[in-house]
Amino acid sequence: MLISLYAGPVSRYCTRYLADGGYLLANNSHGDASLALLDPRYELVAVQPTWASARFRADNLDSFSRARRPDAFTVDQVLASGRGVAFERTAACYLFRLVGR
């Protein structure tokens, strides 16, 4: 498991250390959740909607991954800004599974 909470683009540089089927736990403050959503090797499997709840949910994930401004949702934009894009619904944490290399 890779953990990227307020740590920057960990997935961009450390995916090679993650086994197939391994997990990435990320938030979107520095854009790592946005980058993982753009990376076809990752699949969003659950979100933790708020920090107040330790529960993850796996339903309605599309609303947590749909950008408010799709034109600004590119790898270059995320890396240049150093932060994630705004989604229709915000989550505290996003859980991804590595599905391919």
PDB file of N, CA and C in Angstrom:
ATOM      1  N   MET A   1       0.843  -1.179   0.000  1.00  0.00           N
ATOM      2  CA  MET A   1       0.000   0.000   0.000  1.00  0.00           C
ATOM      3  C   MET A   1       0.883   1.235   0.000  1.00  0.00           C
ATOM      4  N   LEU A   2       0.506   2.181  -0.843  1.00  0.00           N
ATOM      5  CA  LEU A   2       1.123   3.500  -0.847  1.00  0.00           C
ATOM      6  C   LEU A   2       0.159   4.459  -0.170  1.00  0.00           C
ATOM      7  N   ILE A   3       0.677   5.355   0.648  1.00  0.00           N
ATOM      8  CA  ILE A   3      -0.155   6.347   1.312  1.00  0.00           C
ATOM      9  C   ILE A   3       0.350   7.728   0.930  1.00  0.00           C
ATOM     10  N   SER A   4      -0.548   8.528   0.406  1.00  0.00           N
ATOM     11  CA  SER A   4      -0.214   9.879  -0.016  1.00  0.00           C
ATOM     12  C   SER A   4      -1.244  10.841   0.561  1.00  0.00           C
ATOM     13  N   LEU A   5      -1.043  11.215   1.800  1.00  0.00           N
ATOM     14  CA  LEU A   5      -1.923  12.180   2.465  1.00  0.00           C
ATOM     15  C   LEU A   5      -1.119  13.451   2.698  1.00  0.00           C
ATOM     16  N   TYR A   6      -1.435  14.471   1.920  1.00  0.00           N
ATOM     17  CA  TYR A   6      -0.720  15.749   1.967  1.00  0.00           C
ATOM     18  C   TYR A   6       0.759  15.572   1.633  1.00  0.00           C
ATOM     19  N   ALA A   7       1.061  14.643   0.723  1.00  0.00           N
ATOM     20  CA  ALA A   7       2.454  14.303   0.440  1.00  0.00           C
ATOM     21  C   ALA A   7       2.891  14.615  -0.982  1.00  0.00           C
ATOM     22  N   GLY A   8       2.027  15.144  -1.814  1.00  0.00           N
ATOM     23  CA  GLY A   8       2.407  15.404  -3.192  1.00  0.00           C
ATOM     24  C   GLY A   8       2.139  14.204  -4.082  1.00  0.00           C
ATOM     25  N   PRO A   9       2.691  14.207  -5.288  1.00  0.00           N
ATOM     26  CA  PRO A   9       2.375  13.165  -6.271  1.00  0.00           C
ATOM     27  C   PRO A   9       3.109  11.842  -6.037  1.00  0.00           C
ATOM     28  N   VAL A  10       2.848  11.219  -4.938  1.00  0.00           N
ATOM     29  CA  VAL A  10       3.491   9.945  -4.592  1.00  0.00           C
ATOM     30  C   VAL A  10       3.242   8.893  -5.671  1.00  0.00           C
ATOM     31  N   SER A  11       2.018   8.823  -6.181  1.00  0.00           N
ATOM     32  CA  SER A  11       1.692   7.800  -7.176  1.00  0.00           C
ATOM     33  C   SER A  11       2.535   7.959  -8.436  1.00  0.00           C
ATOM     34  N   ARG A  12       2.845   9.164  -8.789  1.00  0.00           N
ATOM     35  CA  ARG A  12       3.629   9.429 -10.002  1.00  0.00           C
ATOM     36  C   ARG A  12       5.028   8.820  -9.917  1.00  0.00           C
ATOM     37  N   TYR A  13       5.611   8.815  -8.744  1.00  0.00           N
ATOM     38  CA  TYR A  13       6.990   8.370  -8.592  1.00  0.00           C
ATOM     39  C   TYR A  13       7.143   7.006  -7.931  1.00  0.00           C
ATOM     40  N   CYS A  14       6.107   6.508  -7.268  1.00  0.00           N
ATOM     41  CA  CYS A  14       6.262   5.278  -6.486  1.00  0.00           C
ATOM     42  C   CYS A  14       5.397   4.112  -6.938  1.00  0.00           C
ATOM     43  N   THR A  15       4.603   4.277  -7.982  1.00  0.00           N
ATOM     44  CA  THR A  15       3.761   3.176  -8.453  1.00  0.00           C
ATOM     45  C   THR A  15       4.592   1.945  -8.771  1.00  0.00           C
ATOM     46  N   ARG A  16       5.801   2.112  -9.248  1.00  0.00           N
ATOM     47  CA  ARG A  16       6.652   0.964  -9.597  1.00  0.00           C
ATOM     48  C   ARG A  16       6.942   0.067  -8.399  1.00  0.00           C
ATOM     49  N   TYR A  17       6.799   0.583  -7.192  1.00  0.00           N
ATOM     50  CA  TYR A  17       7.046  -0.214  -5.990  1.00  0.00           C
ATOM     51  C   TYR A  17       5.791  -0.945  -5.503  1.00  0.00           C
ATOM     52  N   LEU A  18       4.677  -0.701  -6.139  1.00  0.00           N
ATOM     53  CA  LEU A  18       3.399  -1.284  -5.727  1.00  0.00           C
ATOM     54  C   LEU A  18       3.113  -2.524  -6.568  1.00  0.00           C
ATOM     55  N   ALA A  19       2.760  -3.609  -5.914  1.00  0.00           N
ATOM     56  CA  ALA A  19       2.429  -4.846  -6.619  1.00  0.00           C
ATOM     57  C   ALA A  19       1.078  -4.710  -7.314  1.00  0.00           C
ATOM     58  N   ASP A  20       0.884  -5.475  -8.394  1.00  0.00           N
ATOM     59  CA  ASP A  20      -0.430  -5.502  -9.034  1.00  0.00           C
ATOM     60  C   ASP A  20      -1.474  -5.885  -7.992  1.00  0.00           C
ATOM     61  N   GLY A  21      -2.580  -5.170  -7.991  1.00  0.00           N
ATOM     62  CA  GLY A  21      -3.623  -5.398  -6.996  1.00  0.00           C
ATOM     63  C   GLY A  21      -3.396  -4.640  -5.709  1.00  0.00           C
ATOM     64  N   GLY A  22      -2.254  -3.949  -5.601  1.00  0.00           N
ATOM     65  CA  GLY A  22      -1.953  -3.150  -4.416  1.00  0.00           C
ATOM     66  C   GLY A  22      -2.789  -1.884  -4.381  1.00  0.00           C
ATOM     67  N   TYR A  23      -2.760  -1.199  -3.269  1.00  0.00           N
ATOM     68  CA  TYR A  23      -3.633  -0.039  -3.056  1.00  0.00           C
ATOM     69  C   TYR A  23      -2.852   1.252  -2.871  1.00  0.00           C
ATOM     70  N   LEU A  24      -3.487   2.322  -3.298  1.00  0.00           N
ATOM     71  CA  LEU A  24      -3.011   3.685  -3.077  1.00  0.00           C
ATOM     72  C   LEU A  24      -4.103   4.411  -2.314  1.00  0.00           C
ATOM     73  N   LEU A  25      -3.761   4.943  -1.155  1.00  0.00           N
ATOM     74  CA  LEU A  25      -4.662   5.783  -0.376  1.00  0.00           C
ATOM     75  C   LEU A  25      -4.162   7.213  -0.531  1.00  0.00           C
ATOM     76  N   ALA A  26      -4.992   8.072  -1.099  1.00  0.00           N
ATOM     77  CA  ALA A  26      -4.549   9.434  -1.394  1.00  0.00           C
ATOM     78  C   ALA A  26      -5.655  10.430  -1.090  1.00  0.00           C
ATOM     79  N   ASN A  27      -5.230  11.646  -0.801  1.00  0.00           N
ATOM     80  CA  ASN A  27      -6.192  12.739  -0.781  1.00  0.00           C
ATOM     81  C   ASN A  27      -5.866  13.643  -1.964  1.00  0.00           C
ATOM     82  N   ASN A  28      -6.596  14.710  -2.111  1.00  0.00           N
ATOM     83  CA  ASN A  28      -6.458  15.513  -3.315  1.00  0.00           C
ATOM     84  C   ASN A  28      -5.812  16.872  -3.060  1.00  0.00           C
ATOM     85  N   SER A  29      -5.283  17.096  -1.871  1.00  0.00           N
ATOM     86  CA  SER A  29      -4.763  18.424  -1.551  1.00  0.00           C
ATOM     87  C   SER A  29      -3.599  18.819  -2.454  1.00  0.00           C
ATOM     88  N   HIS A  30      -2.714  17.902  -2.753  1.00  0.00           N
ATOM     89  CA  HIS A  30      -1.586  18.189  -3.642  1.00  0.00           C
ATOM     90  C   HIS A  30      -1.746  17.505  -4.993  1.00  0.00           C
ATOM     91  N   GLY A  31      -2.950  17.008  -5.273  1.00  0.00           N
ATOM     92  CA  GLY A  31      -3.255  16.483  -6.591  1.00  0.00           C
ATOM     93  C   GLY A  31      -3.060  15.003  -6.806  1.00  0.00           C
ATOM     94  N   ASP A  32      -2.661  14.242  -5.787  1.00  0.00           N
ATOM     95  CA  ASP A  32      -2.389  12.833  -6.048  1.00  0.00           C
ATOM     96  C   ASP A  32      -3.647  12.053  -6.409  1.00  0.00           C
ATOM     97  N   ALA A  33      -4.777  12.344  -5.804  1.00  0.00           N
ATOM     98  CA  ALA A  33      -6.012  11.659  -6.191  1.00  0.00           C
ATOM     99  C   ALA A  33      -6.385  12.023  -7.630  1.00  0.00           C
ATOM    100  N   SER A  34      -6.213  13.275  -8.002  1.00  0.00           N
ATOM    101  CA  SER A  34      -6.485  13.679  -9.386  1.00  0.00           C
ATOM    102  C   SER A  34      -5.579  12.937 -10.359  1.00  0.00           C
ATOM    103  N   LEU A  35      -4.295  12.840 -10.039  1.00  0.00           N
ATOM    104  CA  LEU A  35      -3.364  12.135 -10.920  1.00  0.00           C
ATOM    105  C   LEU A  35      -3.702  10.655 -11.029  1.00  0.00           C
ATOM    106  N   ALA A  36      -4.093  10.032  -9.931  1.00  0.00           N
ATOM    107  CA  ALA A  36      -4.458   8.617  -9.965  1.00  0.00           C
ATOM    108  C   ALA A  36      -5.719   8.397 -10.796  1.00  0.00           C
ATOM    109  N   LEU A  37      -6.655   9.332 -10.732  1.00  0.00           N
ATOM    110  CA  LEU A  37      -7.862   9.216 -11.549  1.00  0.00           C
ATOM    111  C   LEU A  37      -7.550   9.325 -13.039  1.00  0.00           C
ATOM    112  N   LEU A  38      -6.517  10.040 -13.384  1.00  0.00           N
ATOM    113  CA  LEU A  38      -6.107  10.177 -14.787  1.00  0.00           C
ATOM    114  C   LEU A  38      -5.217   9.030 -15.260  1.00  0.00           C
ATOM    115  N   ASP A  39      -4.724   8.237 -14.349  1.00  0.00           N
ATOM    116  CA  ASP A  39      -3.798   7.150 -14.659  1.00  0.00           C
ATOM    117  C   ASP A  39      -4.584   5.863 -14.912  1.00  0.00           C
ATOM    118  N   PRO A  40      -4.529   5.308 -16.112  1.00  0.00           N
ATOM    119  CA  PRO A  40      -5.315   4.099 -16.414  1.00  0.00           C
ATOM    120  C   PRO A  40      -4.881   2.865 -15.628  1.00  0.00           C
ATOM    121  N   ARG A  41      -3.759   2.933 -14.961  1.00  0.00           N
ATOM    122  CA  ARG A  41      -3.311   1.789 -14.153  1.00  0.00           C
ATOM    123  C   ARG A  41      -4.066   1.694 -12.834  1.00  0.00           C
ATOM    124  N   TYR A  42      -4.754   2.767 -12.446  1.00  0.00           N
ATOM    125  CA  TYR A  42      -5.470   2.796 -11.176  1.00  0.00           C
ATOM    126  C   TYR A  42      -6.976   2.769 -11.379  1.00  0.00           C
ATOM    127  N   GLU A  43      -7.649   2.081 -10.479  1.00  0.00           N
ATOM    128  CA  GLU A  43      -9.108   2.034 -10.437  1.00  0.00           C
ATOM    129  C   GLU A  43      -9.559   2.558  -9.082  1.00  0.00           C
ATOM    130  N   LEU A  44     -10.479   3.516  -9.081  1.00  0.00           N
ATOM    131  CA  LEU A  44     -11.040   4.028  -7.836  1.00  0.00           C
ATOM    132  C   LEU A  44     -11.985   2.974  -7.270  1.00  0.00           C
ATOM    133  N   VAL A  45     -11.731   2.521  -6.044  1.00  0.00           N
ATOM    134  CA  VAL A  45     -12.563   1.463  -5.465  1.00  0.00           C
ATOM    135  C   VAL A  45     -13.399   1.930  -4.279  1.00  0.00           C
ATOM    136  N   ALA A  46     -13.008   3.040  -3.636  1.00  0.00           N
ATOM    137  CA  ALA A  46     -13.775   3.534  -2.487  1.00  0.00           C
ATOM    138  C   ALA A  46     -13.321   4.955  -2.140  1.00  0.00           C
ATOM    139  N   VAL A  47     -14.157   5.642  -1.386  1.00  0.00           N
ATOM    140  CA  VAL A  47     -13.804   6.958  -0.863  1.00  0.00           C
ATOM    141  C   VAL A  47     -14.191   7.028   0.605  1.00  0.00           C
ATOM    142  N   GLN A  48     -13.492   7.865   1.320  1.00  0.00           N
ATOM    143  CA  GLN A  48     -13.867   8.213   2.689  1.00  0.00           C
ATOM    144  C   GLN A  48     -14.411   9.638   2.589  1.00  0.00           C
ATOM    145  N   PRO A  49     -15.729   9.805   2.662  1.00  0.00           N
ATOM    146  CA  PRO A  49     -16.315  11.125   2.396  1.00  0.00           C
ATOM    147  C   PRO A  49     -15.847  12.244   3.328  1.00  0.00           C
ATOM    148  N   THR A  50     -15.645  11.961   4.601  1.00  0.00           N
ATOM    149  CA  THR A  50     -15.224  12.999   5.539  1.00  0.00           C
ATOM    150  C   THR A  50     -14.169  12.444   6.486  1.00  0.00           C
ATOM    151  N   TRP A  51     -13.374  13.343   7.051  1.00  0.00           N
ATOM    152  CA  TRP A  51     -12.377  12.928   8.042  1.00  0.00           C
ATOM    153  C   TRP A  51     -13.052  12.475   9.332  1.00  0.00           C
ATOM    154  N   ALA A  52     -14.262  12.939   9.587  1.00  0.00           N
ATOM    155  CA  ALA A  52     -14.961  12.608  10.827  1.00  0.00           C
ATOM    156  C   ALA A  52     -15.413  11.151  10.862  1.00  0.00           C
ATOM    157  N   SER A  53     -15.507  10.534   9.713  1.00  0.00           N
ATOM    158  CA  SER A  53     -15.954   9.140   9.645  1.00  0.00           C
ATOM    159  C   SER A  53     -14.826   8.260   9.144  1.00  0.00           C
ATOM    160  N   ALA A  54     -14.615   7.138   9.790  1.00  0.00           N
ATOM    161  CA  ALA A  54     -13.587   6.195   9.357  1.00  0.00           C
ATOM    162  C   ALA A  54     -14.134   5.223   8.318  1.00  0.00           C
ATOM    163  N   ARG A  55     -15.367   5.388   7.931  1.00  0.00           N
ATOM    164  CA  ARG A  55     -16.002   4.478   6.974  1.00  0.00           C
ATOM    165  C   ARG A  55     -15.682   4.872   5.533  1.00  0.00           C
ATOM    166  N   PHE A  56     -15.432   3.849   4.747  1.00  0.00           N
ATOM    167  CA  PHE A  56     -15.264   4.039   3.311  1.00  0.00           C
ATOM    168  C   PHE A  56     -16.533   3.587   2.618  1.00  0.00           C
ATOM    169  N   ARG A  57     -16.809   4.187   1.477  1.00  0.00           N
ATOM    170  CA  ARG A  57     -17.970   3.780   0.706  1.00  0.00           C
ATOM    171  C   ARG A  57     -17.552   3.520  -0.735  1.00  0.00           C
ATOM    172  N   ALA A  58     -18.244   2.580  -1.372  1.00  0.00           N
ATOM    173  CA  ALA A  58     -17.898   2.192  -2.733  1.00  0.00           C
ATOM    174  C   ALA A  58     -19.035   2.465  -3.715  1.00  0.00           C
ATOM    175  N   ASP A  59     -20.041   3.206  -3.297  1.00  0.00           N
ATOM    176  CA  ASP A  59     -21.163   3.508  -4.183  1.00  0.00           C
ATOM    177  C   ASP A  59     -21.061   4.937  -4.702  1.00  0.00           C
ATOM    178  N   ASN A  60     -21.626   5.177  -5.859  1.00  0.00           N
ATOM    179  CA  ASN A  60     -21.656   6.516  -6.475  1.00  0.00           C
ATOM    180  C   ASN A  60     -20.272   7.150  -6.602  1.00  0.00           C
ATOM    181  N   LEU A  61     -19.292   6.355  -6.948  1.00  0.00           N
ATOM    182  CA  LEU A  61     -17.922   6.864  -7.049  1.00  0.00           C
ATOM    183  C   LEU A  61     -17.747   7.858  -8.197  1.00  0.00           C
ATOM    184  N   ASP A  62     -18.588   7.772  -9.212  1.00  0.00           N
ATOM    185  CA  ASP A  62     -18.430   8.675 -10.345  1.00  0.00           C
ATOM    186  C   ASP A  62     -18.574  10.143  -9.943  1.00  0.00           C
ATOM    187  N   SER A  63     -19.430  10.446  -8.977  1.00  0.00           N
ATOM    188  CA  SER A  63     -19.582  11.844  -8.563  1.00  0.00           C
ATOM    189  C   SER A  63     -18.357  12.351  -7.796  1.00  0.00           C
ATOM    190  N   PHE A  64     -17.581  11.451  -7.217  1.00  0.00           N
ATOM    191  CA  PHE A  64     -16.352  11.831  -6.519  1.00  0.00           C
ATOM    192  C   PHE A  64     -15.166  11.953  -7.477  1.00  0.00           C
ATOM    193  N   SER A  65     -15.367  11.572  -8.740  1.00  0.00           N
ATOM    194  CA  SER A  65     -14.273  11.615  -9.705  1.00  0.00           C
ATOM    195  C   SER A  65     -14.594  12.448 -10.948  1.00  0.00           C
ATOM    196  N   ARG A  66     -15.732  13.101 -10.961  1.00  0.00           N
ATOM    197  CA  ARG A  66     -16.131  13.940 -12.091  1.00  0.00           C
ATOM    198  C   ARG A  66     -15.727  15.382 -11.796  1.00  0.00           C
ATOM    199  N   ALA A  67     -14.848  15.919 -12.617  1.00  0.00           N
ATOM    200  CA  ALA A  67     -14.338  17.281 -12.420  1.00  0.00           C
ATOM    201  C   ALA A  67     -15.424  18.311 -12.695  1.00  0.00           C
ATOM    202  N   ARG A  68     -15.438  19.360 -11.884  1.00  0.00           N
ATOM    203  CA  ARG A  68     -16.377  20.466 -12.124  1.00  0.00           C
ATOM    204  C   ARG A  68     -16.052  21.175 -13.438  1.00  0.00           C
ATOM    205  N   ARG A  69     -14.752  21.266 -13.733  1.00  0.00           N
ATOM    206  CA  ARG A  69     -14.290  21.870 -14.988  1.00  0.00           C
ATOM    207  C   ARG A  69     -13.445  20.826 -15.720  1.00  0.00           C
ATOM    208  N   PRO A  70     -14.041  20.008 -16.554  1.00  0.00           N
ATOM    209  CA  PRO A  70     -13.294  18.946 -17.241  1.00  0.00           C
ATOM    210  C   PRO A  70     -12.123  19.449 -18.077  1.00  0.00           C
ATOM    211  N   ASP A  71     -12.211  20.673 -18.588  1.00  0.00           N
ATOM    212  CA  ASP A  71     -11.126  21.211 -19.401  1.00  0.00           C
ATOM    213  C   ASP A  71      -9.850  21.436 -18.586  1.00  0.00           C
ATOM    214  N   ALA A  72      -9.963  21.568 -17.278  1.00  0.00           N
ATOM    215  CA  ALA A  72      -8.801  21.804 -16.418  1.00  0.00           C
ATOM    216  C   ALA A  72      -8.292  20.510 -15.783  1.00  0.00           C
ATOM    217  N   PHE A  73      -8.825  19.374 -16.216  1.00  0.00           N
ATOM    218  CA  PHE A  73      -8.493  18.096 -15.593  1.00  0.00           C
ATOM    219  C   PHE A  73      -7.505  17.320 -16.461  1.00  0.00           C
ATOM    220  N   THR A  74      -6.249  17.770 -16.446  1.00  0.00           N
ATOM    221  CA  THR A  74      -5.188  17.102 -17.187  1.00  0.00           C
ATOM    222  C   THR A  74      -3.990  16.897 -16.264  1.00  0.00           C
ATOM    223  N   VAL A  75      -3.128  15.960 -16.620  1.00  0.00           N
ATOM    224  CA  VAL A  75      -1.923  15.710 -15.827  1.00  0.00           C
ATOM    225  C   VAL A  75      -1.071  16.969 -15.761  1.00  0.00           C
ATOM    226  N   ASP A  76      -0.866  17.618 -16.888  1.00  0.00           N
ATOM    227  CA  ASP A  76      -0.032  18.827 -16.908  1.00  0.00           C
ATOM    228  C   ASP A  76      -0.594  19.919 -16.003  1.00  0.00           C
ATOM    229  N   GLN A  77      -1.914  20.093 -16.019  1.00  0.00           N
ATOM    230  CA  GLN A  77      -2.539  21.127 -15.189  1.00  0.00           C
ATOM    231  C   GLN A  77      -2.363  20.809 -13.716  1.00  0.00           C
ATOM    232  N   VAL A  78      -2.563  19.556 -13.342  1.00  0.00           N
ATOM    233  CA  VAL A  78      -2.433  19.161 -11.935  1.00  0.00           C
ATOM    234  C   VAL A  78      -0.989  19.342 -11.469  1.00  0.00           C
ATOM    235  N   LEU A  79      -0.026  18.897 -12.271  1.00  0.00           N
ATOM    236  CA  LEU A  79       1.385  19.043 -11.883  1.00  0.00           C
ATOM    237  C   LEU A  79       1.800  20.507 -11.813  1.00  0.00           C
ATOM    238  N   ALA A  80       1.320  21.325 -12.726  1.00  0.00           N
ATOM    239  CA  ALA A  80       1.680  22.745 -12.728  1.00  0.00           C
ATOM    240  C   ALA A  80       1.104  23.480 -11.520  1.00  0.00           C
ATOM    241  N   SER A  81      -0.115  23.138 -11.140  1.00  0.00           N
ATOM    242  CA  SER A  81      -0.752  23.834 -10.024  1.00  0.00           C
ATOM    243  C   SER A  81      -0.315  23.291  -8.664  1.00  0.00           C
ATOM    244  N   GLY A  82       0.093  22.015  -8.629  1.00  0.00           N
ATOM    245  CA  GLY A  82       0.491  21.411  -7.362  1.00  0.00           C
ATOM    246  C   GLY A  82      -0.678  21.081  -6.453  1.00  0.00           C
ATOM    247  N   ARG A  83      -1.874  21.054  -7.016  1.00  0.00           N
ATOM    248  CA  ARG A  83      -3.049  20.713  -6.230  1.00  0.00           C
ATOM    249  C   ARG A  83      -4.077  20.027  -7.121  1.00  0.00           C
ATOM    250  N   GLY A  84      -5.009  19.365  -6.487  1.00  0.00           N
ATOM    251  CA  GLY A  84      -6.017  18.617  -7.218  1.00  0.00           C
ATOM    252  C   GLY A  84      -7.098  19.502  -7.794  1.00  0.00           C
ATOM    253  N   VAL A  85      -7.813  18.953  -8.759  1.00  0.00           N
ATOM    254  CA  VAL A  85      -8.937  19.671  -9.349  1.00  0.00           C
ATOM    255  C   VAL A  85     -10.153  19.528  -8.445  1.00  0.00           C
ATOM    256  N   ALA A  86     -11.122  20.382  -8.640  1.00  0.00           N
ATOM    257  CA  ALA A  86     -12.370  20.317  -7.867  1.00  0.00           C
ATOM    258  C   ALA A  86     -13.303  19.297  -8.509  1.00  0.00           C
ATOM    259  N   PHE A  87     -13.843  18.421  -7.692  1.00  0.00           N
ATOM    260  CA  PHE A  87     -14.790  17.420  -8.162  1.00  0.00           C
ATOM    261  C   PHE A  87     -16.202  17.808  -7.738  1.00  0.00           C
ATOM    262  N   GLU A  88     -17.199  17.174  -8.363  1.00  0.00           N
ATOM    263  CA  GLU A  88     -18.590  17.446  -7.999  1.00  0.00           C
ATOM    264  C   GLU A  88     -18.821  17.193  -6.518  1.00  0.00           C
ATOM    265  N   ARG A  89     -18.261  16.101  -6.010  1.00  0.00           N
ATOM    266  CA  ARG A  89     -18.333  15.790  -4.578  1.00  0.00           C
ATOM    267  C   ARG A  89     -16.910  15.572  -4.087  1.00  0.00           C
ATOM    268  N   THR A  90     -16.592  16.143  -2.964  1.00  0.00           N
ATOM    269  CA  THR A  90     -15.251  16.042  -2.400  1.00  0.00           C
ATOM    270  C   THR A  90     -15.197  14.912  -1.383  1.00  0.00           C
ATOM    271  N   ALA A  91     -14.073  14.212  -1.361  1.00  0.00           N
ATOM    272  CA  ALA A  91     -13.838  13.165  -0.372  1.00  0.00           C
ATOM    273  C   ALA A  91     -12.580  13.499   0.417  1.00  0.00           C
ATOM    274  N   ALA A  92     -12.531  13.013   1.640  1.00  0.00           N
ATOM    275  CA  ALA A  92     -11.323  13.193   2.445  1.00  0.00           C
ATOM    276  C   ALA A  92     -10.196  12.332   1.893  1.00  0.00           C
ATOM    277  N   CYS A  93     -10.518  11.086   1.556  1.00  0.00           N
ATOM    278  CA  CYS A  93      -9.521  10.142   1.020  1.00  0.00           C
ATOM    279  C   CYS A  93     -10.130   9.340  -0.116  1.00  0.00           C
ATOM    280  N   TYR A  94      -9.275   8.971  -1.039  1.00  0.00           N
ATOM    281  CA  TYR A  94      -9.657   8.151  -2.179  1.00  0.00           C
ATOM    282  C   TYR A  94      -8.817   6.878  -2.131  1.00  0.00           C
ATOM    283  N   LEU A  95      -9.452   5.726  -2.296  1.00  0.00           N
ATOM    284  CA  LEU A  95      -8.742   4.451  -2.293  1.00  0.00           C
ATOM    285  C   LEU A  95      -8.744   3.885  -3.709  1.00  0.00           C
ATOM    286  N   PHE A  96      -7.543   3.670  -4.241  1.00  0.00           N
ATOM    287  CA  PHE A  96      -7.360   3.146  -5.590  1.00  0.00           C
ATOM    288  C   PHE A  96      -6.694   1.777  -5.519  1.00  0.00           C
ATOM    289  N   ARG A  97      -6.962   0.959  -6.539  1.00  0.00           N
ATOM    290  CA  ARG A  97      -6.285  -0.322  -6.682  1.00  0.00           C
ATOM    291  C   ARG A  97      -5.517  -0.294  -7.988  1.00  0.00           C
ATOM    292  N   LEU A  98      -4.292  -0.786  -7.955  1.00  0.00           N
ATOM    293  CA  LEU A  98      -3.474  -0.883  -9.152  1.00  0.00           C
ATOM    294  C   LEU A  98      -3.948  -2.080  -9.967  1.00  0.00           C
ATOM    295  N   VAL A  99      -4.416  -1.838 -11.186  1.00  0.00           N
ATOM    296  CA  VAL A  99      -4.994  -2.900 -11.994  1.00  0.00           C
ATOM    297  C   VAL A  99      -4.141  -3.274 -13.200  1.00  0.00           C
ATOM    298  N   GLY A 100      -3.094  -2.555 -13.464  1.00  0.00           N
ATOM    299  CA  GLY A 100      -2.250  -2.882 -14.602  1.00  0.00           C
ATOM    300  C   GLY A 100      -1.002  -2.050 -14.648  1.00  0.00           C
ATOM    301  N   ARG A 101      -0.081  -2.473 -15.435  1.00  0.00           N
ATOM    302  CA  ARG A 101       1.197  -1.754 -15.575  1.00  0.00           C
ATOM    303  C   ARG A 101       1.243  -1.090 -16.898  1.00  0.00           C
TER     304      ARG A 101
END
